[in-house]
Amino acid sequence: MAGLNFENYQRNSYLSTKGFATPRATSTGTTIVGCKFPGGVVIAADTRATSGPIVADKNCEKLHRLAPKIWCAGAGTAADTEMVTQLIASNLELHALSQNREPRVITALTMLKQHLFKYQGHLGAYLICAGVDPTGAHLLSVQAHGSTDIGKYQSLGSGSLAAMAVLETNFREDLTKEEAIKLCADAIEAGIWNDLGSGSNVDVCVMEVGKDAELYRNYLTPNVRSQKARSYKFAPGTTAILRESVRDILDVEETVVSFDQMEVDTEA
């Protein structure tokens, strides 16, 4: 399996010796959850990506497609979750073609955990992997260092405690599809309201046995920007000009350079 490229490490070390700040990785902050129901599984995520205290992206996509019926939600470093899931999706497709059968969820999880374990936690990808295959519906999670977990409901990310409170309070074995979607959306909203690293909207993906996955992008938008009470655009001339000065900050000097006329041999 191909690895990742760490050439930028040398570049960043050089920049730091010259007094420049090393570039910071964009973190997804994140609340991601998953929950099973009879005949399927639901995963959901918020859409805020942060860089330290700055919101880098208000509507990033944290639900990644591994196969038509297998998706995963990613928390941690945004670039790592994106690249790791793209790599595993490619290898999973090749594996399915070579085996001439639908990919299994446990196969995707094994590929993910082996790849992450190889980098000993230096790839900041924390994933909830879910999907359906001929053996049924599955919900599993994998940590950045390669350990895995299995359960009927899962939560990861900086807002996972608030989300887990909602999941543990309201989860039932006999949830319908609609109830499972609402439970996951409510858990993500708990993360959005109670965790500064999570925010904006709620994305949901539903996988049912015998059907391709359905992605509901921006399933909930609880943070729609409200209209301002008044307009703050002022007409020209509203504010008086107290003083005006014009300075030349660039002098243009033109020099004409003349060349001797070239001699041309007309007799040749």
C-alpha atoms as a PDB file:
ATOM      1  CA  MET A   1       0.000   0.000   0.000  1.00  0.00           C
ATOM      2  CA  ALA A   2       1.338   3.430  -0.928  1.00  0.00           C
ATOM      3  CA  GLY A   3       2.403   5.814   1.828  1.00  0.00           C
ATOM      4  CA  LEU A   4       2.144   9.549   2.315  1.00  0.00           C
ATOM      5  CA  ASN A   5       4.664  12.261   1.447  1.00  0.00           C
ATOM      6  CA  PHE A   6       6.385  14.146   4.268  1.00  0.00           C
ATOM      7  CA  GLU A   7       8.672  16.388   2.146  1.00  0.00           C
ATOM      8  CA  ASN A   8       7.053  19.512   3.612  1.00  0.00           C
ATOM      9  CA  TYR A   9       8.650  18.718   6.979  1.00  0.00           C
ATOM     10  CA  GLN A  10      12.059  19.825   5.655  1.00  0.00           C
ATOM     11  CA  ARG A  11      10.541  22.971   4.155  1.00  0.00           C
ATOM     12  CA  ASN A  12       8.819  23.874   7.440  1.00  0.00           C
ATOM     13  CA  SER A  13      12.062  23.334   9.397  1.00  0.00           C
ATOM     14  CA  TYR A  14      13.871  25.681   6.999  1.00  0.00           C
ATOM     15  CA  LEU A  15      11.147  28.331   7.375  1.00  0.00           C
ATOM     16  CA  SER A  16      11.382  28.198  11.163  1.00  0.00           C
ATOM     17  CA  THR A  17      15.179  28.770  11.070  1.00  0.00           C
ATOM     18  CA  LYS A  18      14.562  31.928   9.012  1.00  0.00           C
ATOM     19  CA  GLY A  19      12.138  33.327  11.573  1.00  0.00           C
ATOM     20  CA  PHE A  20       8.896  32.414   9.798  1.00  0.00           C
ATOM     21  CA  ALA A  21       6.066  30.708  11.635  1.00  0.00           C
ATOM     22  CA  THR A  22       5.555  27.103  10.539  1.00  0.00           C
ATOM     23  CA  PRO A  23       2.220  26.528   8.741  1.00  0.00           C
ATOM     24  CA  ARG A  24      -0.523  25.154  10.981  1.00  0.00           C
ATOM     25  CA  ALA A  25      -2.661  22.190  10.016  1.00  0.00           C
ATOM     26  CA  THR A  26      -6.390  22.772   9.656  1.00  0.00           C
ATOM     27  CA  SER A  27      -8.294  20.751  12.234  1.00  0.00           C
ATOM     28  CA  THR A  28     -11.894  19.688  11.761  1.00  0.00           C
ATOM     29  CA  GLY A  29     -12.597  20.302  15.479  1.00  0.00           C
ATOM     30  CA  THR A  30     -15.638  18.178  14.998  1.00  0.00           C
ATOM     31  CA  THR A  31     -18.543  16.193  16.304  1.00  0.00           C
ATOM     32  CA  ILE A  32     -19.229  12.933  14.427  1.00  0.00           C
ATOM     33  CA  VAL A  33     -21.695  10.195  15.394  1.00  0.00           C
ATOM     34  CA  GLY A  34     -23.132   6.927  14.136  1.00  0.00           C
ATOM     35  CA  CYS A  35     -26.103   4.814  15.157  1.00  0.00           C
ATOM     36  CA  LYS A  36     -27.563   1.481  14.002  1.00  0.00           C
ATOM     37  CA  PHE A  37     -31.209   0.660  13.395  1.00  0.00           C
ATOM     38  CA  PRO A  38     -32.831  -2.603  12.230  1.00  0.00           C
ATOM     39  CA  GLY A  39     -31.742  -3.039   8.601  1.00  0.00           C
ATOM     40  CA  GLY A  40     -29.310  -0.151   8.371  1.00  0.00           C
ATOM     41  CA  VAL A  41     -26.994   2.419   9.905  1.00  0.00           C
ATOM     42  CA  VAL A  42     -26.796   6.247  10.030  1.00  0.00           C
ATOM     43  CA  ILE A  43     -23.744   8.491  10.399  1.00  0.00           C
ATOM     44  CA  ALA A  44     -23.727  12.272  10.826  1.00  0.00           C
ATOM     45  CA  ALA A  45     -21.259  15.140  11.233  1.00  0.00           C
ATOM     46  CA  ASP A  46     -21.077  18.899  11.690  1.00  0.00           C
ATOM     47  CA  THR A  47     -19.439  21.126   9.031  1.00  0.00           C
ATOM     48  CA  ARG A  48     -17.006  23.446  10.882  1.00  0.00           C
ATOM     49  CA  ALA A  49     -13.246  23.300  10.191  1.00  0.00           C
ATOM     50  CA  THR A  50     -10.949  25.279  12.490  1.00  0.00           C
ATOM     51  CA  SER A  51      -7.354  26.500  12.437  1.00  0.00           C
ATOM     52  CA  GLY A  52      -6.583  27.259  16.069  1.00  0.00           C
ATOM     53  CA  PRO A  53      -9.178  29.834  17.204  1.00  0.00           C
ATOM     54  CA  ILE A  54     -10.138  30.690  13.600  1.00  0.00           C
ATOM     55  CA  VAL A  55     -13.060  29.100  11.721  1.00  0.00           C
ATOM     56  CA  ALA A  56     -11.323  28.125   8.463  1.00  0.00           C
ATOM     57  CA  ASP A  57     -14.410  26.676   6.723  1.00  0.00           C
ATOM     58  CA  LYS A  58     -18.061  26.976   7.759  1.00  0.00           C
ATOM     59  CA  ASN A  59     -19.371  24.233   5.476  1.00  0.00           C
ATOM     60  CA  CYS A  60     -16.710  21.566   4.964  1.00  0.00           C
ATOM     61  CA  GLU A  61     -17.747  17.968   4.247  1.00  0.00           C
ATOM     62  CA  LYS A  62     -16.693  15.419   6.873  1.00  0.00           C
ATOM     63  CA  LEU A  63     -18.578  12.420   5.458  1.00  0.00           C
ATOM     64  CA  HIS A  64     -16.330  10.497   3.064  1.00  0.00           C
ATOM     65  CA  ARG A  65     -17.321   7.815   0.540  1.00  0.00           C
ATOM     66  CA  LEU A  66     -15.294   4.590   0.634  1.00  0.00           C
ATOM     67  CA  ALA A  67     -17.673   2.502  -1.525  1.00  0.00           C
ATOM     68  CA  PRO A  68     -21.273   2.843  -2.771  1.00  0.00           C
ATOM     69  CA  LYS A  69     -22.576   1.278   0.466  1.00  0.00           C
ATOM     70  CA  ILE A  70     -19.690   2.134   2.843  1.00  0.00           C
ATOM     71  CA  TRP A  71     -19.053   5.654   4.164  1.00  0.00           C
ATOM     72  CA  CYS A  72     -17.064   7.073   7.050  1.00  0.00           C
ATOM     73  CA  ALA A  73     -17.096  10.252   9.118  1.00  0.00           C
ATOM     74  CA  GLY A  74     -13.762  11.893   9.889  1.00  0.00           C
ATOM     75  CA  ALA A  75     -12.480  13.910  12.858  1.00  0.00           C
ATOM     76  CA  GLY A  76      -8.986  15.268  13.473  1.00  0.00           C
ATOM     77  CA  THR A  77      -6.682  16.912  10.935  1.00  0.00           C
ATOM     78  CA  ALA A  78      -8.754  17.759   7.853  1.00  0.00           C
ATOM     79  CA  ALA A  79      -6.049  16.958   5.276  1.00  0.00           C
ATOM     80  CA  ASP A  80      -5.285  13.599   6.906  1.00  0.00           C
ATOM     81  CA  THR A  81      -8.917  12.459   7.008  1.00  0.00           C
ATOM     82  CA  GLU A  82      -9.373  13.504   3.368  1.00  0.00           C
ATOM     83  CA  MET A  83      -6.237  11.832   2.000  1.00  0.00           C
ATOM     84  CA  VAL A  84      -6.489   8.641   4.081  1.00  0.00           C
ATOM     85  CA  THR A  85     -10.098   8.030   3.033  1.00  0.00           C
ATOM     86  CA  GLN A  86      -9.288   8.720  -0.643  1.00  0.00           C
ATOM     87  CA  LEU A  87      -6.414   6.235  -0.536  1.00  0.00           C
ATOM     88  CA  ILE A  88      -8.468   3.517   1.180  1.00  0.00           C
ATOM     89  CA  ALA A  89     -11.425   4.104  -1.177  1.00  0.00           C
ATOM     90  CA  SER A  90      -9.115   3.518  -4.154  1.00  0.00           C
ATOM     91  CA  ASN A  91      -7.596   0.352  -2.647  1.00  0.00           C
ATOM     92  CA  LEU A  92     -11.041  -0.918  -1.631  1.00  0.00           C
ATOM     93  CA  GLU A  93     -12.286  -0.570  -5.208  1.00  0.00           C
ATOM     94  CA  LEU A  94      -9.272  -2.499  -6.557  1.00  0.00           C
ATOM     95  CA  HIS A  95      -9.790  -5.190  -3.904  1.00  0.00           C
ATOM     96  CA  ALA A  96     -13.479  -5.544  -4.805  1.00  0.00           C
ATOM     97  CA  LEU A  97     -12.620  -5.888  -8.509  1.00  0.00           C
ATOM     98  CA  SER A  98      -9.947  -8.508  -7.832  1.00  0.00           C
ATOM     99  CA  GLN A  99     -12.309 -10.516  -5.591  1.00  0.00           C
ATOM    100  CA  ASN A 100     -15.287  -9.989  -7.924  1.00  0.00           C
ATOM    101  CA  ARG A 101     -17.664  -9.213  -5.054  1.00  0.00           C
ATOM    102  CA  GLU A 102     -19.023  -6.281  -3.054  1.00  0.00           C
ATOM    103  CA  PRO A 103     -16.510  -4.826  -0.578  1.00  0.00           C
ATOM    104  CA  ARG A 104     -17.056  -5.699   3.074  1.00  0.00           C
ATOM    105  CA  VAL A 105     -17.151  -3.105   5.854  1.00  0.00           C
ATOM    106  CA  ILE A 106     -14.633  -5.108   7.897  1.00  0.00           C
ATOM    107  CA  THR A 107     -12.257  -5.014   4.901  1.00  0.00           C
ATOM    108  CA  ALA A 108     -12.440  -1.202   4.820  1.00  0.00           C
ATOM    109  CA  LEU A 109     -11.833  -1.061   8.577  1.00  0.00           C
ATOM    110  CA  THR A 110      -8.837  -3.411   8.349  1.00  0.00           C
ATOM    111  CA  MET A 111      -7.263  -1.320   5.581  1.00  0.00           C
ATOM    112  CA  LEU A 112      -7.803   1.848   7.616  1.00  0.00           C
ATOM    113  CA  LYS A 113      -6.387   0.488  10.877  1.00  0.00           C
ATOM    114  CA  GLN A 114      -3.328  -1.071   9.207  1.00  0.00           C
ATOM    115  CA  HIS A 115      -2.530   2.166   7.397  1.00  0.00           C
ATOM    116  CA  LEU A 116      -2.975   4.342  10.493  1.00  0.00           C
ATOM    117  CA  PHE A 117      -1.012   1.962  12.751  1.00  0.00           C
ATOM    118  CA  LYS A 118       1.905   2.191  10.324  1.00  0.00           C
ATOM    119  CA  TYR A 119       2.248   5.904  11.099  1.00  0.00           C
ATOM    120  CA  GLN A 120       1.922   5.410  14.893  1.00  0.00           C
ATOM    121  CA  GLY A 121      -0.696   8.131  15.388  1.00  0.00           C
ATOM    122  CA  HIS A 122       1.116  10.858  13.421  1.00  0.00           C
ATOM    123  CA  LEU A 123      -1.756  10.870  10.920  1.00  0.00           C
ATOM    124  CA  GLY A 124      -4.519  12.702  12.791  1.00  0.00           C
ATOM    125  CA  ALA A 125      -7.467  10.737  11.404  1.00  0.00           C
ATOM    126  CA  TYR A 126     -10.202   9.565  13.793  1.00  0.00           C
ATOM    127  CA  LEU A 127     -12.918   7.804  11.816  1.00  0.00           C
ATOM    128  CA  ILE A 128     -16.362   6.281  12.292  1.00  0.00           C
ATOM    129  CA  CYS A 129     -16.750   3.671   9.553  1.00  0.00           C
ATOM    130  CA  ALA A 130     -20.238   2.441   8.677  1.00  0.00           C
ATOM    131  CA  GLY A 131     -21.947   0.571   5.884  1.00  0.00           C
ATOM    132  CA  VAL A 132     -23.951  -2.414   4.711  1.00  0.00           C
ATOM    133  CA  ASP A 133     -22.741  -5.545   2.924  1.00  0.00           C
ATOM    134  CA  PRO A 134     -24.035  -9.123   2.391  1.00  0.00           C
ATOM    135  CA  THR A 135     -23.374  -9.821   6.101  1.00  0.00           C
ATOM    136  CA  GLY A 136     -25.604  -6.938   7.303  1.00  0.00           C
ATOM    137  CA  ALA A 137     -25.195  -3.421   8.684  1.00  0.00           C
ATOM    138  CA  HIS A 138     -22.039  -2.488  10.587  1.00  0.00           C
ATOM    139  CA  LEU A 139     -20.843   0.463  12.693  1.00  0.00           C
ATOM    140  CA  LEU A 140     -17.192   0.671  13.775  1.00  0.00           C
ATOM    141  CA  SER A 141     -14.647   3.324  14.744  1.00  0.00           C
ATOM    142  CA  VAL A 142     -10.876   3.600  14.330  1.00  0.00           C
ATOM    143  CA  GLN A 143      -8.492   5.879  16.252  1.00  0.00           C
ATOM    144  CA  ALA A 144      -5.424   7.626  14.824  1.00  0.00           C
ATOM    145  CA  HIS A 145      -3.026   5.051  16.311  1.00  0.00           C
ATOM    146  CA  GLY A 146      -4.932   2.122  14.767  1.00  0.00           C
ATOM    147  CA  SER A 147      -7.138   0.787  17.579  1.00  0.00           C
ATOM    148  CA  THR A 148     -10.741  -0.010  16.676  1.00  0.00           C
ATOM    149  CA  ASP A 149     -14.103  -0.261  18.422  1.00  0.00           C
ATOM    150  CA  ILE A 150     -17.495  -1.700  17.553  1.00  0.00           C
ATOM    151  CA  GLY A 151     -20.881  -0.667  18.899  1.00  0.00           C
ATOM    152  CA  LYS A 152     -24.520   0.128  18.240  1.00  0.00           C
ATOM    153  CA  TYR A 153     -23.807   3.850  18.542  1.00  0.00           C
ATOM    154  CA  GLN A 154     -20.549   5.820  18.381  1.00  0.00           C
ATOM    155  CA  SER A 155     -19.296   9.384  18.787  1.00  0.00           C
ATOM    156  CA  LEU A 156     -15.878  10.950  18.182  1.00  0.00           C
ATOM    157  CA  GLY A 157     -14.346  14.421  18.100  1.00  0.00           C
ATOM    158  CA  SER A 158     -14.118  17.397  20.409  1.00  0.00           C
ATOM    159  CA  GLY A 159     -17.909  17.479  20.821  1.00  0.00           C
ATOM    160  CA  SER A 160     -18.230  13.729  21.391  1.00  0.00           C
ATOM    161  CA  LEU A 161     -19.169  14.019  25.083  1.00  0.00           C
ATOM    162  CA  ALA A 162     -22.211  16.190  24.383  1.00  0.00           C
ATOM    163  CA  ALA A 163     -23.201  13.915  21.483  1.00  0.00           C
ATOM    164  CA  MET A 164     -22.752  10.741  23.536  1.00  0.00           C
ATOM    165  CA  ALA A 165     -25.044  12.150  26.236  1.00  0.00           C
ATOM    166  CA  VAL A 166     -27.841  12.431  23.672  1.00  0.00           C
ATOM    167  CA  LEU A 167     -27.110   8.990  22.188  1.00  0.00           C
ATOM    168  CA  GLU A 168     -27.056   7.210  25.552  1.00  0.00           C
ATOM    169  CA  THR A 169     -30.259   8.952  26.654  1.00  0.00           C
ATOM    170  CA  ASN A 170     -32.369   8.281  23.557  1.00  0.00           C
ATOM    171  CA  PHE A 171     -30.954   5.185  21.810  1.00  0.00           C
ATOM    172  CA  ARG A 172     -33.247   2.153  21.498  1.00  0.00           C
ATOM    173  CA  GLU A 173     -32.763  -1.188  19.768  1.00  0.00           C
ATOM    174  CA  ASP A 174     -35.995  -0.804  17.754  1.00  0.00           C
ATOM    175  CA  LEU A 175     -35.400   2.645  16.241  1.00  0.00           C
ATOM    176  CA  THR A 176     -36.985   3.301  12.852  1.00  0.00           C
ATOM    177  CA  LYS A 177     -34.944   4.850  10.042  1.00  0.00           C
ATOM    178  CA  GLU A 178     -36.478   8.290  10.651  1.00  0.00           C
ATOM    179  CA  GLU A 179     -35.904   8.054  14.410  1.00  0.00           C
ATOM    180  CA  ALA A 180     -32.263   7.037  13.872  1.00  0.00           C
ATOM    181  CA  ILE A 181     -31.712  10.017  11.558  1.00  0.00           C
ATOM    182  CA  LYS A 182     -33.306  12.369  14.121  1.00  0.00           C
ATOM    183  CA  LEU A 183     -31.229  10.888  16.951  1.00  0.00           C
ATOM    184  CA  CYS A 184     -27.958  11.401  15.049  1.00  0.00           C
ATOM    185  CA  ALA A 185     -28.958  14.921  13.996  1.00  0.00           C
ATOM    186  CA  ASP A 186     -29.881  15.795  17.615  1.00  0.00           C
ATOM    187  CA  ALA A 187     -26.528  14.414  18.831  1.00  0.00           C
ATOM    188  CA  ILE A 188     -24.626  16.561  16.311  1.00  0.00           C
ATOM    189  CA  GLU A 189     -26.654  19.620  17.334  1.00  0.00           C
ATOM    190  CA  ALA A 190     -25.658  18.979  20.958  1.00  0.00           C
ATOM    191  CA  GLY A 191     -22.036  19.115  19.810  1.00  0.00           C
ATOM    192  CA  ILE A 192     -22.666  22.263  17.781  1.00  0.00           C
ATOM    193  CA  TRP A 193     -24.189  24.142  20.739  1.00  0.00           C
ATOM    194  CA  ASN A 194     -21.812  22.872  23.451  1.00  0.00           C
ATOM    195  CA  ASP A 195     -18.430  22.622  21.686  1.00  0.00           C
ATOM    196  CA  LEU A 196     -16.551  25.601  20.203  1.00  0.00           C
ATOM    197  CA  GLY A 197     -14.746  23.328  17.723  1.00  0.00           C
ATOM    198  CA  SER A 198     -18.057  22.189  16.184  1.00  0.00           C
ATOM    199  CA  GLY A 199     -20.620  24.322  14.416  1.00  0.00           C
ATOM    200  CA  SER A 200     -22.589  25.369  11.331  1.00  0.00           C
ATOM    201  CA  ASN A 201     -24.695  22.609   9.738  1.00  0.00           C
ATOM    202  CA  VAL A 202     -25.527  18.899  10.074  1.00  0.00           C
ATOM    203  CA  ASP A 203     -24.694  16.353   7.343  1.00  0.00           C
ATOM    204  CA  VAL A 204     -26.310  12.896   7.442  1.00  0.00           C
ATOM    205  CA  CYS A 205     -25.666   9.675   5.496  1.00  0.00           C
ATOM    206  CA  VAL A 206     -28.066   6.697   5.601  1.00  0.00           C
ATOM    207  CA  MET A 207     -27.114   3.165   4.543  1.00  0.00           C
ATOM    208  CA  GLU A 208     -29.814   0.466   4.303  1.00  0.00           C
ATOM    209  CA  VAL A 209     -29.394  -3.227   3.467  1.00  0.00           C
ATOM    210  CA  GLY A 210     -29.917  -3.769  -0.263  1.00  0.00           C
ATOM    211  CA  LYS A 211     -29.659  -0.053  -1.158  1.00  0.00           C
ATOM    212  CA  ASP A 212     -26.896   2.386  -2.015  1.00  0.00           C
ATOM    213  CA  ALA A 213     -26.050   4.989   0.595  1.00  0.00           C
ATOM    214  CA  GLU A 214     -27.993   8.259   0.644  1.00  0.00           C
ATOM    215  CA  LEU A 215     -26.166  11.467   1.578  1.00  0.00           C
ATOM    216  CA  TYR A 216     -28.222  14.344   2.996  1.00  0.00           C
ATOM    217  CA  ARG A 217     -25.911  17.348   2.661  1.00  0.00           C
ATOM    218  CA  ASN A 218     -26.862  20.187   5.048  1.00  0.00           C
ATOM    219  CA  TYR A 219     -29.735  18.100   6.463  1.00  0.00           C
ATOM    220  CA  LEU A 220     -30.116  20.740   9.197  1.00  0.00           C
ATOM    221  CA  THR A 221     -28.945  24.360   9.024  1.00  0.00           C
ATOM    222  CA  PRO A 222     -29.376  25.712  12.566  1.00  0.00           C
ATOM    223  CA  ASN A 223     -26.915  28.583  12.069  1.00  0.00           C
ATOM    224  CA  VAL A 224     -28.472  30.516   9.194  1.00  0.00           C
ATOM    225  CA  ARG A 225     -27.157  34.074   9.219  1.00  0.00           C
ATOM    226  CA  SER A 226     -30.004  36.383  10.280  1.00  0.00           C
ATOM    227  CA  GLN A 227     -30.768  39.633   8.493  1.00  0.00           C
ATOM    228  CA  LYS A 228     -29.287  42.729  10.107  1.00  0.00           C
ATOM    229  CA  ALA A 229     -31.670  45.109  11.839  1.00  0.00           C
ATOM    230  CA  ARG A 230     -30.579  47.968   9.570  1.00  0.00           C
ATOM    231  CA  SER A 231     -28.261  48.715   6.669  1.00  0.00           C
ATOM    232  CA  TYR A 232     -24.822  50.080   7.492  1.00  0.00           C
ATOM    233  CA  LYS A 233     -23.993  51.309   3.978  1.00  0.00           C
ATOM    234  CA  PHE A 234     -23.551  55.099   3.999  1.00  0.00           C
ATOM    235  CA  ALA A 235     -23.890  57.413   1.014  1.00  0.00           C
ATOM    236  CA  PRO A 236     -20.745  59.244  -0.183  1.00  0.00           C
ATOM    237  CA  GLY A 237     -20.384  62.578   1.624  1.00  0.00           C
ATOM    238  CA  THR A 238     -21.998  61.400   4.847  1.00  0.00           C
ATOM    239  CA  THR A 239     -18.710  61.807   6.713  1.00  0.00           C
ATOM    240  CA  ALA A 240     -16.918  65.196   6.449  1.00  0.00           C
ATOM    241  CA  ILE A 241     -13.350  65.303   5.060  1.00  0.00           C
ATOM    242  CA  LEU A 242     -11.201  67.175   7.576  1.00  0.00           C
ATOM    243  CA  ARG A 243      -7.876  67.115   5.724  1.00  0.00           C
ATOM    244  CA  GLU A 244      -6.597  65.922   2.371  1.00  0.00           C
ATOM    245  CA  SER A 245      -2.992  65.423   1.238  1.00  0.00           C
ATOM    246  CA  VAL A 246      -1.531  63.818  -1.861  1.00  0.00           C
ATOM    247  CA  ARG A 247       1.989  62.401  -1.815  1.00  0.00           C
ATOM    248  CA  ASP A 248       4.049  61.006  -4.667  1.00  0.00           C
ATOM    249  CA  ILE A 249       5.311  57.667  -3.489  1.00  0.00           C
ATOM    250  CA  LEU A 250       6.811  56.575  -6.819  1.00  0.00           C
ATOM    251  CA  ASP A 251       9.118  58.560  -9.123  1.00  0.00           C
ATOM    252  CA  VAL A 252       9.246  57.374 -12.723  1.00  0.00           C
ATOM    253  CA  GLU A 253      12.448  58.099 -14.618  1.00  0.00           C
ATOM    254  CA  GLU A 254      12.688  57.403 -18.326  1.00  0.00           C
ATOM    255  CA  THR A 255      16.025  56.985 -20.096  1.00  0.00           C
ATOM    256  CA  VAL A 256      16.360  56.732 -23.889  1.00  0.00           C
ATOM    257  CA  VAL A 257      19.206  54.450 -24.988  1.00  0.00           C
ATOM    258  CA  SER A 258      20.316  54.829 -28.633  1.00  0.00           C
ATOM    259  CA  PHE A 259      22.166  52.142 -30.587  1.00  0.00           C
ATOM    260  CA  ASP A 260      24.466  52.595 -33.581  1.00  0.00           C
ATOM    261  CA  GLN A 261      22.890  51.670 -36.893  1.00  0.00           C
ATOM    262  CA  MET A 262      23.657  48.098 -37.849  1.00  0.00           C
ATOM    263  CA  GLU A 263      25.774  47.670 -40.971  1.00  0.00           C
ATOM    264  CA  VAL A 264      24.108  45.436 -43.560  1.00  0.00           C
ATOM    265  CA  ASP A 265      26.152  43.812 -46.347  1.00  0.00           C
ATOM    266  CA  THR A 266      23.910  44.227 -49.409  1.00  0.00           C
ATOM    267  CA  GLU A 267      26.412  42.688 -51.840  1.00  0.00           C
ATOM    268  CA  ALA A 268      26.248  39.186 -50.313  1.00  0.00           C
END
